Amino acid sequence: MTYSRTLVVLAKSIKKGGFCIAGKDIETNNWVRPVKDTPFTGTELCNLSNRTDPIEIFDIVEMTFIKQNPKVYQPENELVDMNVKGRYLEEFQIGHLETLIDGNQKDFLDLVKNRSIHKDNIKGLNLQNSLQLIRISNSNDARIIYYQPDINQNYFKPRLKFNYKGFSYNLPITVPTIPNLNRRIEPKILENAYITIGIGEEYRKNHYILVVMLKEIDLT
């Protein structure tokens, strides 16, 4: 039997072949990662009954699911019923993001403390979730940097460098609104921002930790 959930979307990540999205159930505050056999295309993210625009960060949407589909590295996966259109409800108010911050009991960064996890080690972590929303400020020394993947490639990819609970992170940013550039620019300092961290699928025998949502907050 299918069932519905109402989610506030807190992650939209570029992946080969399309996008990955995730959010929190507004009733339980639990993470849910809608999945299907292949990544979501831009057209599929427009599969809403009452809006033609694609699903974006901070949208509150109702979606229909077939079953839970957990994986060791992504325990919150749930299989979407693609035969049922989703429904856009409203936009989540950014001023309320603090209420969605994950507590320490869901702090997978405390378990990982690295940029990646080898596929043979991830089961031993016994992950309760593979997504985490945190807030960063001046004390985290956070900045977006751009690097050249290979000297023969003419583009620069974004990464987020920051400190968190005494550890330094340097993570790829896979957010569509922060694209690759054709030149290196000066690091962008982030004084106040909310970010969602997620664990990606296996790539070259590792699961990499990614920045899958980044929203700067203007406190002035």
C-alpha atoms as a PDB file:
ATOM      1  CA  MET A   1       0.000   0.000   0.000  1.00  0.00           C
ATOM      2  CA  THR A   2       1.360   3.412  -0.944  1.00  0.00           C
ATOM      3  CA  TYR A   3       1.619   6.258   1.534  1.00  0.00           C
ATOM      4  CA  SER A   4       2.278   9.991   1.395  1.00  0.00           C
ATOM      5  CA  ARG A   5       4.728  12.246   3.179  1.00  0.00           C
ATOM      6  CA  THR A   6       5.006  16.007   3.326  1.00  0.00           C
ATOM      7  CA  LEU A   7       8.640  17.093   3.064  1.00  0.00           C
ATOM      8  CA  VAL A   8      10.574  20.311   3.296  1.00  0.00           C
ATOM      9  CA  VAL A   9      13.323  19.931   0.696  1.00  0.00           C
ATOM     10  CA  LEU A  10      16.757  20.472   2.262  1.00  0.00           C
ATOM     11  CA  ALA A  11      19.017  18.901  -0.370  1.00  0.00           C
ATOM     12  CA  LYS A  12      19.261  19.055  -4.144  1.00  0.00           C
ATOM     13  CA  SER A  13      22.461  17.598  -5.520  1.00  0.00           C
ATOM     14  CA  ILE A  14      23.850  17.117  -9.001  1.00  0.00           C
ATOM     15  CA  LYS A  15      24.737  13.538  -9.811  1.00  0.00           C
ATOM     16  CA  LYS A  16      25.570  11.750 -13.043  1.00  0.00           C
ATOM     17  CA  GLY A  17      22.400  11.550 -15.104  1.00  0.00           C
ATOM     18  CA  GLY A  18      20.371  14.028 -13.077  1.00  0.00           C
ATOM     19  CA  PHE A  19      19.693  15.049  -9.495  1.00  0.00           C
ATOM     20  CA  CYS A  20      19.249  13.655  -6.000  1.00  0.00           C
ATOM     21  CA  ILE A  21      16.816  15.320  -3.585  1.00  0.00           C
ATOM     22  CA  ALA A  22      16.101  14.857   0.117  1.00  0.00           C
ATOM     23  CA  GLY A  23      14.209  16.544   2.890  1.00  0.00           C
ATOM     24  CA  LYS A  24      12.618  16.256   6.291  1.00  0.00           C
ATOM     25  CA  ASP A  25       9.136  15.002   7.067  1.00  0.00           C
ATOM     26  CA  ILE A  26       7.431  18.056   8.566  1.00  0.00           C
ATOM     27  CA  GLU A  27       5.547  15.918  11.092  1.00  0.00           C
ATOM     28  CA  THR A  28       8.385  13.729  12.385  1.00  0.00           C
ATOM     29  CA  ASN A  29      11.466  15.842  11.530  1.00  0.00           C
ATOM     30  CA  ASN A  30      13.027  12.642  10.127  1.00  0.00           C
ATOM     31  CA  TRP A  31      15.134  12.649   6.976  1.00  0.00           C
ATOM     32  CA  VAL A  32      13.628  11.142   3.817  1.00  0.00           C
ATOM     33  CA  ARG A  33      15.525  10.638   0.577  1.00  0.00           C
ATOM     34  CA  PRO A  34      13.099   9.996  -2.321  1.00  0.00           C
ATOM     35  CA  VAL A  35      14.695   7.498  -4.717  1.00  0.00           C
ATOM     36  CA  LYS A  36      13.955   5.525  -7.861  1.00  0.00           C
ATOM     37  CA  ASP A  37      15.975   3.250 -10.134  1.00  0.00           C
ATOM     38  CA  THR A  38      17.809   6.163 -11.784  1.00  0.00           C
ATOM     39  CA  PRO A  39      18.560   9.778 -10.758  1.00  0.00           C
ATOM     40  CA  PHE A  40      15.757  12.302 -11.097  1.00  0.00           C
ATOM     41  CA  THR A  41      15.834  14.261 -14.329  1.00  0.00           C
ATOM     42  CA  GLY A  42      14.846  17.904 -14.466  1.00  0.00           C
ATOM     43  CA  THR A  43      11.573  16.888 -16.122  1.00  0.00           C
ATOM     44  CA  GLU A  44      10.776  14.401 -13.374  1.00  0.00           C
ATOM     45  CA  LEU A  45      11.337  17.070 -10.736  1.00  0.00           C
ATOM     46  CA  CYS A  46       8.546  18.990 -12.490  1.00  0.00           C
ATOM     47  CA  ASN A  47       6.139  16.109 -11.810  1.00  0.00           C
ATOM     48  CA  LEU A  48       3.877  18.254  -9.629  1.00  0.00           C
ATOM     49  CA  SER A  49       0.124  18.465 -10.011  1.00  0.00           C
ATOM     50  CA  ASN A  50      -0.127  22.177  -9.328  1.00  0.00           C
ATOM     51  CA  ARG A  51       3.150  23.724 -10.512  1.00  0.00           C
ATOM     52  CA  THR A  52       5.292  23.522 -13.641  1.00  0.00           C
ATOM     53  CA  ASP A  53       8.566  24.576 -12.000  1.00  0.00           C
ATOM     54  CA  PRO A  54      10.910  21.827 -10.743  1.00  0.00           C
ATOM     55  CA  ILE A  55      11.259  20.963  -7.061  1.00  0.00           C
ATOM     56  CA  GLU A  56      13.739  23.300  -5.383  1.00  0.00           C
ATOM     57  CA  ILE A  57      15.356  23.801  -1.997  1.00  0.00           C
ATOM     58  CA  PHE A  58      12.900  24.879   0.740  1.00  0.00           C
ATOM     59  CA  ASP A  59       9.829  23.762  -1.211  1.00  0.00           C
ATOM     60  CA  ILE A  60       7.281  21.961   0.937  1.00  0.00           C
ATOM     61  CA  VAL A  61       5.906  19.141  -1.195  1.00  0.00           C
ATOM     62  CA  GLU A  62       3.652  16.153  -0.710  1.00  0.00           C
ATOM     63  CA  MET A  63       4.968  12.981  -2.340  1.00  0.00           C
ATOM     64  CA  THR A  64       3.670   9.419  -2.602  1.00  0.00           C
ATOM     65  CA  PHE A  65       5.921   6.481  -1.734  1.00  0.00           C
ATOM     66  CA  ILE A  66       5.762   2.744  -2.349  1.00  0.00           C
ATOM     67  CA  LYS A  67       8.026   1.484   0.413  1.00  0.00           C
ATOM     68  CA  GLN A  68      11.113   2.177   2.466  1.00  0.00           C
ATOM     69  CA  ASN A  69      14.275   1.246   0.572  1.00  0.00           C
ATOM     70  CA  PRO A  70      17.180   1.638   3.026  1.00  0.00           C
ATOM     71  CA  LYS A  71      20.825   1.064   2.171  1.00  0.00           C
ATOM     72  CA  VAL A  72      23.711   0.768   4.598  1.00  0.00           C
ATOM     73  CA  TYR A  73      25.101   4.123   3.438  1.00  0.00           C
ATOM     74  CA  GLN A  74      21.688   5.803   2.951  1.00  0.00           C
ATOM     75  CA  PRO A  75      19.236   4.386   5.506  1.00  0.00           C
ATOM     76  CA  GLU A  76      16.564   7.045   4.870  1.00  0.00           C
ATOM     77  CA  ASN A  77      15.896   6.052   1.226  1.00  0.00           C
ATOM     78  CA  GLU A  78      12.234   5.596   0.268  1.00  0.00           C
ATOM     79  CA  LEU A  79      10.964   4.482  -3.131  1.00  0.00           C
ATOM     80  CA  VAL A  80       8.808   7.102  -4.873  1.00  0.00           C
ATOM     81  CA  ASP A  81       5.630   6.194  -6.750  1.00  0.00           C
ATOM     82  CA  MET A  82       6.383   7.955 -10.047  1.00  0.00           C
ATOM     83  CA  ASN A  83       2.825   7.288 -11.251  1.00  0.00           C
ATOM     84  CA  VAL A  84       1.460   9.787  -8.747  1.00  0.00           C
ATOM     85  CA  LYS A  85       2.213  13.473  -9.177  1.00  0.00           C
ATOM     86  CA  GLY A  86       3.589  15.314  -6.201  1.00  0.00           C
ATOM     87  CA  ARG A  87       1.905  18.443  -4.874  1.00  0.00           C
ATOM     88  CA  TYR A  88       3.590  21.734  -4.034  1.00  0.00           C
ATOM     89  CA  LEU A  89       2.231  23.274  -0.831  1.00  0.00           C
ATOM     90  CA  GLU A  90       4.306  26.336   0.016  1.00  0.00           C
ATOM     91  CA  GLU A  91       7.825  27.604   0.600  1.00  0.00           C
ATOM     92  CA  PHE A  92       9.454  26.941   3.954  1.00  0.00           C
ATOM     93  CA  GLN A  93      10.368  30.120   5.816  1.00  0.00           C
ATOM     94  CA  ILE A  94      14.159  30.410   6.089  1.00  0.00           C
ATOM     95  CA  GLY A  95      13.817  32.060   9.477  1.00  0.00           C
ATOM     96  CA  HIS A  96      12.591  28.727  10.872  1.00  0.00           C
ATOM     97  CA  LEU A  97      15.554  26.655   9.672  1.00  0.00           C
ATOM     98  CA  GLU A  98      16.991  26.512  13.180  1.00  0.00           C
ATOM     99  CA  THR A  99      14.097  24.231  14.172  1.00  0.00           C
ATOM    100  CA  LEU A 100      15.305  21.627  11.653  1.00  0.00           C
ATOM    101  CA  ILE A 101      18.923  21.432  12.861  1.00  0.00           C
ATOM    102  CA  ASP A 102      19.857  17.853  13.713  1.00  0.00           C
ATOM    103  CA  GLY A 103      20.643  17.036  17.319  1.00  0.00           C
ATOM    104  CA  ASN A 104      23.847  15.341  18.392  1.00  0.00           C
ATOM    105  CA  GLN A 105      22.176  11.927  18.322  1.00  0.00           C
ATOM    106  CA  LYS A 106      22.036  12.235  14.521  1.00  0.00           C
ATOM    107  CA  ASP A 107      25.497  13.701  14.078  1.00  0.00           C
ATOM    108  CA  PHE A 108      27.080  11.384  11.517  1.00  0.00           C
ATOM    109  CA  LEU A 109      30.006  13.789  11.082  1.00  0.00           C
ATOM    110  CA  ASP A 110      31.042  12.704  14.574  1.00  0.00           C
ATOM    111  CA  LEU A 111      31.292   9.156  13.220  1.00  0.00           C
ATOM    112  CA  VAL A 112      33.018   9.963   9.953  1.00  0.00           C
ATOM    113  CA  LYS A 113      35.506  12.761  10.748  1.00  0.00           C
ATOM    114  CA  ASN A 114      36.818  12.495   7.205  1.00  0.00           C
ATOM    115  CA  ARG A 115      36.057  13.303   3.580  1.00  0.00           C
ATOM    116  CA  SER A 116      35.170   9.731   2.608  1.00  0.00           C
ATOM    117  CA  ILE A 117      34.401   6.263   3.928  1.00  0.00           C
ATOM    118  CA  HIS A 118      35.685   3.069   2.330  1.00  0.00           C
ATOM    119  CA  LYS A 119      32.861   0.788   1.231  1.00  0.00           C
ATOM    120  CA  ASP A 120      34.142  -1.996   3.492  1.00  0.00           C
ATOM    121  CA  ASN A 121      33.984   0.217   6.579  1.00  0.00           C
ATOM    122  CA  ILE A 122      30.628   1.926   6.225  1.00  0.00           C
ATOM    123  CA  LYS A 123      28.549  -0.923   7.628  1.00  0.00           C
ATOM    124  CA  GLY A 124      30.494  -0.803  10.872  1.00  0.00           C
ATOM    125  CA  LEU A 125      29.392   2.808  11.444  1.00  0.00           C
ATOM    126  CA  ASN A 126      25.776   1.663  11.843  1.00  0.00           C
ATOM    127  CA  LEU A 127      24.534   4.954  10.382  1.00  0.00           C
ATOM    128  CA  GLN A 128      21.118   6.129  11.511  1.00  0.00           C
ATOM    129  CA  ASN A 129      21.071   8.730   8.765  1.00  0.00           C
ATOM    130  CA  SER A 130      23.295   9.910   5.920  1.00  0.00           C
ATOM    131  CA  LEU A 131      22.178  13.539   5.906  1.00  0.00           C
ATOM    132  CA  GLN A 132      22.771  16.325   8.377  1.00  0.00           C
ATOM    133  CA  LEU A 133      21.728  19.964   8.504  1.00  0.00           C
ATOM    134  CA  ILE A 134      24.148  22.233  10.372  1.00  0.00           C
ATOM    135  CA  ARG A 135      24.696  25.946  10.769  1.00  0.00           C
ATOM    136  CA  ILE A 136      28.086  27.518  10.229  1.00  0.00           C
ATOM    137  CA  SER A 137      29.273  30.957  11.297  1.00  0.00           C
ATOM    138  CA  ASN A 138      32.485  32.960  11.669  1.00  0.00           C
ATOM    139  CA  SER A 139      33.790  30.475  14.220  1.00  0.00           C
ATOM    140  CA  ASN A 140      33.767  27.687  11.604  1.00  0.00           C
ATOM    141  CA  ASP A 141      36.202  29.556   9.300  1.00  0.00           C
ATOM    142  CA  ALA A 142      34.061  28.489   6.327  1.00  0.00           C
ATOM    143  CA  ARG A 143      34.890  29.431   2.748  1.00  0.00           C
ATOM    144  CA  ILE A 144      34.082  28.271  -0.760  1.00  0.00           C
ATOM    145  CA  ILE A 145      37.207  27.551  -2.786  1.00  0.00           C
ATOM    146  CA  TYR A 146      37.675  26.504  -6.396  1.00  0.00           C
ATOM    147  CA  TYR A 147      40.173  23.932  -7.596  1.00  0.00           C
ATOM    148  CA  GLN A 148      41.217  22.495 -10.935  1.00  0.00           C
ATOM    149  CA  PRO A 149      40.587  18.708 -11.003  1.00  0.00           C
ATOM    150  CA  ASP A 150      43.334  18.144 -13.539  1.00  0.00           C
ATOM    151  CA  ILE A 151      45.927  20.425 -15.102  1.00  0.00           C
ATOM    152  CA  ASN A 152      44.585  19.461 -18.528  1.00  0.00           C
ATOM    153  CA  GLN A 153      41.019  20.456 -17.650  1.00  0.00           C
ATOM    154  CA  ASN A 154      39.895  24.034 -18.117  1.00  0.00           C
ATOM    155  CA  TYR A 155      37.306  24.272 -15.354  1.00  0.00           C
ATOM    156  CA  PHE A 156      37.343  24.751 -11.592  1.00  0.00           C
ATOM    157  CA  LYS A 157      35.096  22.891  -9.171  1.00  0.00           C
ATOM    158  CA  PRO A 158      33.739  24.321  -5.885  1.00  0.00           C
ATOM    159  CA  ARG A 159      34.538  22.892  -2.456  1.00  0.00           C
ATOM    160  CA  LEU A 160      33.626  23.988   1.048  1.00  0.00           C
ATOM    161  CA  LYS A 161      36.372  24.226   3.656  1.00  0.00           C
ATOM    162  CA  PHE A 162      35.261  24.593   7.259  1.00  0.00           C
ATOM    163  CA  ASN A 163      35.949  23.516  10.834  1.00  0.00           C
ATOM    164  CA  TYR A 164      33.392  21.565  12.818  1.00  0.00           C
ATOM    165  CA  LYS A 165      33.808  20.259  16.372  1.00  0.00           C
ATOM    166  CA  GLY A 166      37.575  20.427  16.165  1.00  0.00           C
ATOM    167  CA  PHE A 167      37.943  18.772  12.764  1.00  0.00           C
ATOM    168  CA  SER A 168      38.721  20.379   9.395  1.00  0.00           C
ATOM    169  CA  TYR A 169      36.679  19.445   6.343  1.00  0.00           C
ATOM    170  CA  ASN A 170      37.236  20.075   2.657  1.00  0.00           C
ATOM    171  CA  LEU A 171      34.166  18.764   0.837  1.00  0.00           C
ATOM    172  CA  PRO A 172      32.909  18.864  -2.758  1.00  0.00           C
ATOM    173  CA  ILE A 173      29.879  21.085  -3.341  1.00  0.00           C
ATOM    174  CA  THR A 174      27.310  19.422  -5.614  1.00  0.00           C
ATOM    175  CA  VAL A 175      24.632  22.115  -5.354  1.00  0.00           C
ATOM    176  CA  PRO A 176      23.211  23.210  -8.767  1.00  0.00           C
ATOM    177  CA  THR A 177      23.259  26.899  -7.760  1.00  0.00           C
ATOM    178  CA  ILE A 178      27.034  26.800  -7.169  1.00  0.00           C
ATOM    179  CA  PRO A 179      28.361  25.613 -10.552  1.00  0.00           C
ATOM    180  CA  ASN A 180      31.832  24.938 -11.889  1.00  0.00           C
ATOM    181  CA  LEU A 181      33.683  27.985 -13.218  1.00  0.00           C
ATOM    182  CA  ASN A 182      35.986  28.483 -16.179  1.00  0.00           C
ATOM    183  CA  ARG A 183      38.518  30.295 -14.001  1.00  0.00           C
ATOM    184  CA  ARG A 184      39.709  30.261 -10.409  1.00  0.00           C
ATOM    185  CA  ILE A 185      38.414  33.044  -8.185  1.00  0.00           C
ATOM    186  CA  GLU A 186      39.260  34.173  -4.679  1.00  0.00           C
ATOM    187  CA  PRO A 187      37.743  32.090  -1.851  1.00  0.00           C
ATOM    188  CA  LYS A 188      34.313  33.237  -0.746  1.00  0.00           C
ATOM    189  CA  ILE A 189      34.046  33.652   3.024  1.00  0.00           C
ATOM    190  CA  LEU A 190      30.815  32.401   4.588  1.00  0.00           C
ATOM    191  CA  GLU A 191      29.965  34.283   7.757  1.00  0.00           C
ATOM    192  CA  ASN A 192      26.539  32.724   8.311  1.00  0.00           C
ATOM    193  CA  ALA A 193      25.039  29.826   6.398  1.00  0.00           C
ATOM    194  CA  TYR A 194      23.063  26.628   6.676  1.00  0.00           C
ATOM    195  CA  ILE A 195      24.463  23.576   4.934  1.00  0.00           C
ATOM    196  CA  THR A 196      23.279  20.029   4.433  1.00  0.00           C
ATOM    197  CA  ILE A 197      25.948  17.351   4.370  1.00  0.00           C
ATOM    198  CA  GLY A 198      25.219  14.025   2.674  1.00  0.00           C
ATOM    199  CA  ILE A 199      26.903  10.708   1.931  1.00  0.00           C
ATOM    200  CA  GLY A 200      27.110   9.835  -1.750  1.00  0.00           C
ATOM    201  CA  GLU A 201      26.889   6.496  -3.515  1.00  0.00           C
ATOM    202  CA  GLU A 202      29.986   4.357  -3.958  1.00  0.00           C
ATOM    203  CA  TYR A 203      32.636   5.832  -6.250  1.00  0.00           C
ATOM    204  CA  ARG A 204      35.975   4.064  -6.701  1.00  0.00           C
ATOM    205  CA  LYS A 205      35.355   1.937  -3.601  1.00  0.00           C
ATOM    206  CA  ASN A 206      34.558   4.958  -1.397  1.00  0.00           C
ATOM    207  CA  HIS A 207      31.508   6.888  -0.293  1.00  0.00           C
ATOM    208  CA  TYR A 208      32.317  10.601  -0.337  1.00  0.00           C
ATOM    209  CA  ILE A 209      30.895  13.243   1.979  1.00  0.00           C
ATOM    210  CA  LEU A 210      29.237  16.024  -0.040  1.00  0.00           C
ATOM    211  CA  VAL A 211      27.707  19.455   0.496  1.00  0.00           C
ATOM    212  CA  VAL A 212      24.212  19.002  -0.959  1.00  0.00           C
ATOM    213  CA  MET A 213      22.656  22.269   0.194  1.00  0.00           C
ATOM    214  CA  LEU A 214      24.183  25.642   1.056  1.00  0.00           C
ATOM    215  CA  LYS A 215      22.194  28.734   1.965  1.00  0.00           C
ATOM    216  CA  GLU A 216      23.843  31.938   3.130  1.00  0.00           C
ATOM    217  CA  ILE A 217      21.935  33.975   5.721  1.00  0.00           C
ATOM    218  CA  ASP A 218      22.129  37.762   5.845  1.00  0.00           C
ATOM    219  CA  LEU A 219      21.854  38.849   9.461  1.00  0.00           C
ATOM    220  CA  THR A 220      22.199  42.578   8.777  1.00  0.00           C
END
